[in-house]
Amino acid sequence: MPTVQERDVIRTIRRVKDPDSDKDLISLGRVKELSIRGGEIAFKVLVDPARPLSENVLKNLRGLLEELEGVERVAISLQQEAGVAGGPLKRPAAQLPIPGVDHILAVASGKGGVGKSTVAVNLALAMAAEGQRVALLDADIYGPSLPTMMGLKGVKPAVVGKRIQPVEKYGIRVMSLGFLVEEDTPMVWRGPMVHSAVTQFLREVDWGPTDWLVVDMPPGTGDAHLTLTQAVPLEGAIIVTTPQDIALIDARKGLRMFDKVGAPVIGIVENMGTFVCPDCGSEHQIFSQGGGRATAERYGVPFLGTIPLHEEVAPSGDAGDPIVHSRPDSPIAERFREIARRVLSGV
């Protein structure tokens, strides 16, 4: 009998939309505890009693899954969302939206060295180029790099009343721990201190009217990630990876981490996926081919695009003038704008 593949199950569940939001149940973080044993599929669907899923939605979901080759039984159980007691859904007190901020987007990676901050900065600039009001939060407590990449080294934010004022550059408001400590000061912090710092940046910074707050996360899956996902309602997360197997393994850990905390993953960006020849402009594969796309397909999340390895990307960030701003008409900048448009259009 054919083996039921997890990726096929996730793709099938994604075909079913929540009628209230017109988003699929996976993106909404409503599918939990998915298990596949032989030909049996089992999972829970989080529901709000005030806005229950219709019987037709559940029937459609079950029917689509039963059509998959090798499926013998589909067990779907409904679970009331935490904090709901027969009334309208309310966010936990700790997860209230940030005043003035419409959407919060986390840019994360399973490991360091994959260009996560480069993607976060250029994606933020690309979203701003699409007419969005964008802010950048450097939540990489142990290695804040945004002051350097945004040309803001040595700048100190002002405090008005009890609110920290983010620093503005290239039309984007920026906040980073790097503004508050010396560049060579190591951050030897335990979990509670990381939690306190991230919470302060979320709650005590005057972000003003902001369409998108892009959060550059630390690499890995640690305290800062838990703080962010528990403190504020995330629009979603983007996972940045490179094509090598070791990076993809850690990227998959990141995907599972966001799934466990109920935060939707908007998609995967493959950085340094190809090499652009500086002489002829042609692209060449230098690492494993198609790993980012294959991972996205396996876990049923969108593949947002590939950013090539290009000789101008890293130097522009080191110089404090990211390539989307310094070379807005370049092919690399256009790649970032294509990813930004996919994010803004809901992928």
Protein backbone atom coordinates (compact mmCIF):
# COMPACT_ATOMS: atom_id res chain seq x y z
CA MET A 1 0.00 0.00 0.00
CA PRO A 2 1.38 3.50 -0.85
CA THR A 3 2.74 5.50 2.07
CA VAL A 4 0.80 8.65 2.91
CA GLN A 5 3.19 11.63 2.69
CA GLU A 6 2.99 14.49 5.17
CA ARG A 7 3.59 17.07 2.45
CA ASP A 8 0.56 15.77 0.50
CA VAL A 9 -1.62 15.95 3.60
CA ILE A 10 -0.55 19.54 4.34
CA ARG A 11 -1.11 20.61 0.73
CA THR A 12 -4.59 19.11 0.84
CA ILE A 13 -5.51 20.82 4.11
CA ARG A 14 -4.31 24.13 2.62
CA ARG A 15 -7.01 23.80 -0.06
CA VAL A 16 -9.70 24.35 2.58
CA LYS A 17 -10.32 28.00 3.49
CA ASP A 18 -11.78 29.53 6.64
CA PRO A 19 -14.89 31.38 5.36
CA ASP A 20 -14.37 34.34 7.73
CA SER A 21 -10.81 35.16 6.66
CA ASP A 22 -10.51 33.36 3.30
CA LYS A 23 -7.18 31.96 4.52
CA ASP A 24 -6.35 28.28 4.76
CA LEU A 25 -6.40 26.49 8.10
CA ILE A 26 -2.64 25.84 8.09
CA SER A 27 -1.76 29.53 7.58
CA LEU A 28 -4.15 30.46 10.37
CA GLY A 29 -2.38 28.09 12.74
CA ARG A 30 -5.60 26.16 13.41
CA VAL A 31 -4.28 22.67 12.60
CA LYS A 32 -2.49 21.02 15.53
CA GLU A 33 -0.99 17.66 16.45
CA LEU A 34 -0.98 16.26 12.93
CA SER A 35 -0.02 12.60 12.92
CA ILE A 36 0.14 10.01 10.14
CA ARG A 37 0.29 6.35 11.06
CA GLY A 38 0.02 3.95 8.20
CA GLY A 39 -3.16 4.91 6.40
CA GLU A 40 -4.64 6.92 9.29
CA ILE A 41 -4.49 10.71 9.47
CA ALA A 42 -5.35 12.45 12.74
CA PHE A 43 -5.23 16.09 13.81
CA LYS A 44 -7.02 18.76 15.82
CA VAL A 45 -8.62 21.93 14.49
CA LEU A 46 -8.75 24.94 16.82
CA VAL A 47 -12.19 26.55 16.80
CA ASP A 48 -13.81 29.63 18.28
CA PRO A 49 -17.35 28.88 19.58
CA ALA A 50 -18.44 32.36 18.52
CA ARG A 51 -17.41 31.64 14.91
CA PRO A 52 -17.55 27.86 14.48
CA LEU A 53 -16.47 26.14 11.30
CA SER A 54 -19.45 25.02 9.29
CA GLU A 55 -20.19 21.34 8.88
CA ASN A 56 -19.64 21.76 5.13
CA VAL A 57 -16.05 22.95 5.72
CA LEU A 58 -15.24 19.93 7.86
CA LYS A 59 -16.99 17.59 5.42
CA ASN A 60 -15.02 19.05 2.52
CA LEU A 61 -11.77 18.75 4.47
CA ARG A 62 -12.40 15.13 5.35
CA GLY A 63 -13.48 14.26 1.81
CA LEU A 64 -10.37 15.75 0.21
CA LEU A 65 -8.09 13.87 2.59
CA GLU A 66 -9.90 10.58 2.04
CA GLU A 67 -9.22 10.94 -1.69
CA LEU A 68 -5.45 10.80 -1.10
CA GLU A 69 -3.86 7.53 -2.17
CA GLY A 70 -3.21 5.23 0.77
CA VAL A 71 -5.56 6.98 3.22
CA GLU A 72 -7.83 4.59 5.11
CA ARG A 73 -9.19 6.79 7.90
CA VAL A 74 -9.32 10.50 8.74
CA ALA A 75 -9.81 11.53 12.38
CA ILE A 76 -10.52 15.24 12.92
CA SER A 77 -11.21 16.51 16.42
CA LEU A 78 -12.23 20.05 17.34
CA GLN A 79 -10.51 21.90 20.16
CA GLN A 80 -11.73 25.16 21.66
CA GLU A 81 -9.09 27.86 21.52
CA ALA A 82 -7.43 28.71 24.82
CA GLY A 83 -9.09 31.55 26.69
CA VAL A 84 -12.46 31.14 24.96
CA ALA A 85 -15.39 30.35 27.23
CA GLY A 86 -18.48 30.50 25.11
CA GLY A 87 -18.06 34.12 24.10
CA PRO A 88 -16.27 36.06 21.37
CA LEU A 89 -12.62 35.18 20.90
CA LYS A 90 -10.36 37.42 22.96
CA ARG A 91 -6.60 37.60 22.77
CA PRO A 92 -4.71 36.87 25.97
CA ALA A 93 -3.89 40.08 27.81
CA ALA A 94 -0.22 39.54 26.99
CA GLN A 95 -0.94 39.29 23.27
CA LEU A 96 -2.54 42.65 22.59
CA PRO A 97 -1.62 44.34 19.31
CA ILE A 98 1.06 47.05 19.31
CA PRO A 99 -0.64 50.47 19.03
CA GLY A 100 -0.27 51.87 15.52
CA VAL A 101 1.20 48.66 14.04
CA ASP A 102 -1.04 46.80 11.59
CA HIS A 103 1.08 43.73 10.78
CA ILE A 104 4.09 42.06 12.41
CA LEU A 105 6.40 39.95 10.26
CA ALA A 106 9.20 37.84 11.76
CA VAL A 107 12.24 37.04 9.62
CA ALA A 108 13.92 33.97 11.09
CA SER A 109 16.44 31.27 10.29
CA GLY A 110 17.29 27.91 11.78
CA LYS A 111 21.00 28.76 11.93
CA GLY A 112 23.35 31.70 11.62
CA GLY A 113 25.28 32.68 8.53
CA VAL A 114 22.46 32.34 6.01
CA GLY A 115 21.96 36.08 5.43
CA LYS A 116 18.82 36.48 7.53
CA SER A 117 19.54 40.12 8.46
CA THR A 118 20.41 40.95 4.85
CA VAL A 119 17.04 39.56 3.78
CA ALA A 120 15.19 41.33 6.62
CA VAL A 121 16.69 44.75 5.82
CA ASN A 122 16.27 44.55 2.04
CA LEU A 123 12.79 43.07 2.34
CA ALA A 124 11.78 45.97 4.60
CA LEU A 125 13.14 48.47 2.08
CA ALA A 126 11.39 46.65 -0.76
CA MET A 127 8.08 46.76 1.12
CA ALA A 128 8.57 50.48 1.69
CA ALA A 129 9.23 50.88 -2.05
CA GLU A 130 5.81 49.30 -2.60
CA GLY A 131 4.22 52.18 -0.67
CA GLN A 132 4.06 50.58 2.80
CA ARG A 133 4.93 52.32 6.07
CA VAL A 134 7.62 50.02 7.43
CA ALA A 135 9.57 49.73 10.67
CA LEU A 136 12.47 47.41 11.55
CA LEU A 137 13.06 45.81 14.95
CA ASP A 138 16.40 44.14 15.61
CA ALA A 139 15.48 41.30 17.98
CA ASP A 140 18.85 39.59 17.48
CA ILE A 141 19.90 40.41 21.04
CA TYR A 142 23.23 38.59 20.91
CA GLY A 143 24.37 39.94 17.54
CA PRO A 144 22.51 43.14 16.58
CA SER A 145 23.56 44.12 13.07
CA LEU A 146 20.93 46.59 11.89
CA PRO A 147 22.82 49.72 13.08
CA THR A 148 25.67 48.75 10.73
CA MET A 149 23.50 47.59 7.84
CA MET A 150 21.29 50.69 7.96
CA GLY A 151 24.20 53.15 8.32
CA LEU A 152 23.27 54.07 11.89
CA LYS A 153 26.38 53.12 13.87
CA GLY A 154 26.86 55.35 16.91
CA VAL A 155 23.32 56.77 16.76
CA LYS A 156 21.38 56.98 20.04
CA PRO A 157 17.55 56.99 20.07
CA ALA A 158 15.72 59.77 21.87
CA VAL A 159 13.26 59.22 24.69
CA VAL A 160 10.10 61.33 24.81
CA GLY A 161 8.17 60.92 28.02
CA LYS A 162 8.51 57.21 28.68
CA ARG A 163 8.55 56.19 25.01
CA ILE A 164 11.70 55.32 23.07
CA GLN A 165 11.76 56.99 19.66
CA PRO A 166 13.00 54.75 16.84
CA VAL A 167 15.71 56.11 14.57
CA GLU A 168 14.65 56.80 10.98
CA LYS A 169 16.77 56.03 7.91
CA TYR A 170 15.79 55.55 4.27
CA GLY A 171 12.16 56.18 5.26
CA ILE A 172 12.14 53.27 7.75
CA ARG A 173 11.96 53.50 11.54
CA VAL A 174 14.59 51.31 13.21
CA MET A 175 15.15 50.07 16.76
CA SER A 176 18.01 47.87 17.93
CA LEU A 177 19.81 46.96 21.12
CA GLY A 178 22.91 47.95 19.15
CA PHE A 179 21.89 51.58 19.67
CA LEU A 180 22.09 51.17 23.44
CA VAL A 181 25.35 49.24 23.98
CA GLU A 182 28.90 49.56 22.70
CA GLU A 183 29.60 47.64 19.50
CA ASP A 184 32.12 45.22 21.08
CA THR A 185 30.10 44.58 24.26
CA PRO A 186 29.11 40.89 24.53
CA MET A 187 25.50 40.23 25.55
CA VAL A 188 25.90 37.50 28.17
CA TRP A 189 22.20 37.25 29.01
CA ARG A 190 19.96 34.50 30.31
CA GLY A 191 16.43 33.89 29.06
CA PRO A 192 14.56 36.31 31.37
CA MET A 193 16.77 39.22 30.28
CA VAL A 194 16.17 38.40 26.61
CA HIS A 195 12.43 38.25 27.29
CA SER A 196 12.54 41.62 29.04
CA ALA A 197 14.50 43.31 26.24
CA VAL A 198 12.25 42.03 23.43
CA THR A 199 9.11 42.93 25.38
CA GLN A 200 10.43 46.44 26.02
CA PHE A 201 11.14 46.98 22.33
CA LEU A 202 7.64 45.80 21.44
CA ARG A 203 5.78 47.79 24.10
CA GLU A 204 7.87 50.85 24.94
CA VAL A 205 8.97 52.02 21.49
CA ASP A 206 6.82 54.68 19.82
CA TRP A 207 6.45 52.97 16.45
CA GLY A 208 3.85 55.45 15.21
CA PRO A 209 1.54 54.58 12.27
CA THR A 210 3.12 51.45 10.77
CA ASP A 211 1.75 49.07 8.16
CA TRP A 212 4.47 46.44 8.72
CA LEU A 213 6.87 45.89 11.61
CA VAL A 214 9.61 43.61 10.27
CA VAL A 215 11.39 41.79 13.11
CA ASP A 216 14.90 40.47 12.50
CA MET A 217 15.00 37.43 14.80
CA PRO A 218 18.08 35.75 16.29
CA PRO A 219 19.15 32.53 14.54
CA GLY A 220 17.83 29.30 15.98
CA THR A 221 14.72 28.66 18.07
CA GLY A 222 15.09 30.25 21.49
CA ASP A 223 13.80 32.70 24.06
CA ALA A 224 13.32 35.66 21.71
CA HIS A 225 11.13 33.57 19.41
CA LEU A 226 8.92 32.43 22.27
CA THR A 227 8.62 35.98 23.59
CA LEU A 228 7.59 37.38 20.22
CA THR A 229 5.04 34.68 19.42
CA GLN A 230 3.49 34.86 22.90
CA ALA A 231 3.49 38.65 23.27
CA VAL A 232 2.00 39.89 19.99
CA PRO A 233 -0.20 38.55 17.17
CA LEU A 234 2.15 37.69 14.31
CA GLU A 235 0.98 38.07 10.73
CA GLY A 236 3.48 35.34 10.07
CA ALA A 237 7.13 34.37 9.75
CA ILE A 238 9.55 34.06 6.85
CA ILE A 239 12.23 31.38 7.11
CA VAL A 240 15.56 32.21 5.45
CA THR A 241 17.83 29.35 4.41
CA THR A 242 20.63 28.50 2.03
CA PRO A 243 20.56 25.44 -0.25
CA GLN A 244 23.05 23.33 1.78
CA ASP A 245 21.62 20.33 3.60
CA ILE A 246 22.82 21.50 7.04
CA ALA A 247 21.02 24.84 6.63
CA LEU A 248 17.86 23.12 5.38
CA ILE A 249 17.81 20.79 8.40
CA ASP A 250 17.84 23.81 10.71
CA ALA A 251 15.27 25.61 8.56
CA ARG A 252 12.92 22.68 9.05
CA LYS A 253 13.39 23.02 12.81
CA GLY A 254 12.34 26.64 12.49
CA LEU A 255 9.24 25.65 10.56
CA ARG A 256 8.25 23.15 13.23
CA MET A 257 8.93 25.67 16.01
CA PHE A 258 6.53 28.24 14.55
CA ASP A 259 3.96 25.48 14.01
CA LYS A 260 4.21 24.42 17.66
CA VAL A 261 3.55 27.97 18.90
CA GLY A 262 0.68 28.48 16.44
CA ALA A 263 2.34 31.17 14.30
CA PRO A 264 1.78 30.85 10.54
CA VAL A 265 4.79 30.61 8.23
CA ILE A 266 4.32 32.91 5.24
CA GLY A 267 7.03 31.20 3.23
CA ILE A 268 10.67 30.30 2.66
CA VAL A 269 13.35 32.50 1.08
CA GLU A 270 16.42 30.75 -0.30
CA ASN A 271 19.42 33.06 0.03
CA MET A 272 22.67 32.56 -1.91
CA GLY A 273 20.84 30.00 -4.01
CA THR A 274 22.88 30.78 -7.12
CA PHE A 275 26.04 32.74 -7.99
CA VAL A 276 25.91 35.71 -10.35
CA CYS A 277 29.05 36.01 -12.47
CA PRO A 278 30.31 39.61 -12.16
CA ASP A 279 31.71 39.54 -15.72
CA CYS A 280 28.90 38.02 -17.77
CA GLY A 281 25.91 38.29 -15.39
CA SER A 282 24.94 34.62 -15.77
CA GLU A 283 23.71 32.59 -12.78
CA HIS A 284 25.33 29.33 -11.68
CA GLN A 285 24.47 26.71 -9.06
CA ILE A 286 27.28 26.46 -6.50
CA PHE A 287 25.47 24.62 -3.69
CA SER A 288 22.72 22.01 -3.70
CA GLN A 289 20.03 22.85 -6.22
CA GLY A 290 16.42 23.58 -5.31
CA GLY A 291 16.69 22.77 -1.60
CA GLY A 292 14.64 25.74 -0.44
CA ARG A 293 11.83 25.04 -2.88
CA ALA A 294 11.83 21.33 -2.02
CA THR A 295 11.59 22.12 1.70
CA ALA A 296 8.70 24.50 1.08
CA GLU A 297 6.87 21.85 -0.93
CA ARG A 298 7.52 19.18 1.70
CA TYR A 299 5.96 21.27 4.46
CA GLY A 300 3.22 22.84 2.37
CA VAL A 301 4.37 26.45 2.69
CA PRO A 302 4.92 28.94 -0.15
CA PHE A 303 8.36 29.29 -1.73
CA LEU A 304 8.89 33.05 -1.92
CA GLY A 305 11.98 33.10 -4.12
CA THR A 306 15.75 32.76 -4.46
CA ILE A 307 18.25 35.54 -3.81
CA PRO A 308 21.52 34.98 -5.72
CA LEU A 309 24.98 35.37 -4.22
CA HIS A 310 26.16 38.66 -5.69
CA GLU A 311 29.35 40.61 -5.12
CA GLU A 312 27.50 43.84 -4.27
CA VAL A 313 25.01 42.57 -1.67
CA ALA A 314 27.29 42.08 1.35
CA PRO A 315 29.46 45.19 0.77
CA SER A 316 26.38 47.39 0.45
CA GLY A 317 25.14 46.14 3.83
CA ASP A 318 28.55 46.61 5.43
CA ALA A 319 28.60 50.16 4.07
CA GLY A 320 25.20 50.90 5.59
CA ASP A 321 23.41 51.34 2.27
CA PRO A 322 21.54 48.09 1.43
CA ILE A 323 21.31 47.13 -2.21
CA VAL A 324 17.55 47.74 -2.52
CA HIS A 325 18.29 51.39 -1.65
CA SER A 326 21.75 51.83 -3.22
CA ARG A 327 20.93 49.95 -6.46
CA PRO A 328 17.13 50.05 -6.75
CA ASP A 329 17.20 49.20 -10.47
CA SER A 330 19.49 46.19 -10.12
CA PRO A 331 18.26 42.63 -10.76
CA ILE A 332 19.00 41.72 -7.12
CA ALA A 333 16.82 44.58 -5.85
CA GLU A 334 14.05 43.39 -8.16
CA ARG A 335 14.27 39.91 -6.59
CA PHE A 336 13.64 41.44 -3.17
CA ARG A 337 10.73 43.49 -4.53
CA GLU A 338 9.20 40.34 -6.06
CA ILE A 339 9.33 38.67 -2.63
CA ALA A 340 7.88 41.78 -1.00
CA ARG A 341 4.98 41.80 -3.47
CA ARG A 342 4.26 38.15 -2.72
CA VAL A 343 4.17 38.86 1.00
CA LEU A 344 1.95 41.92 0.58
CA SER A 345 -0.46 40.06 -1.69
CA GLY A 346 -0.85 37.23 0.80
CA VAL A 347 1.44 35.00 -1.33
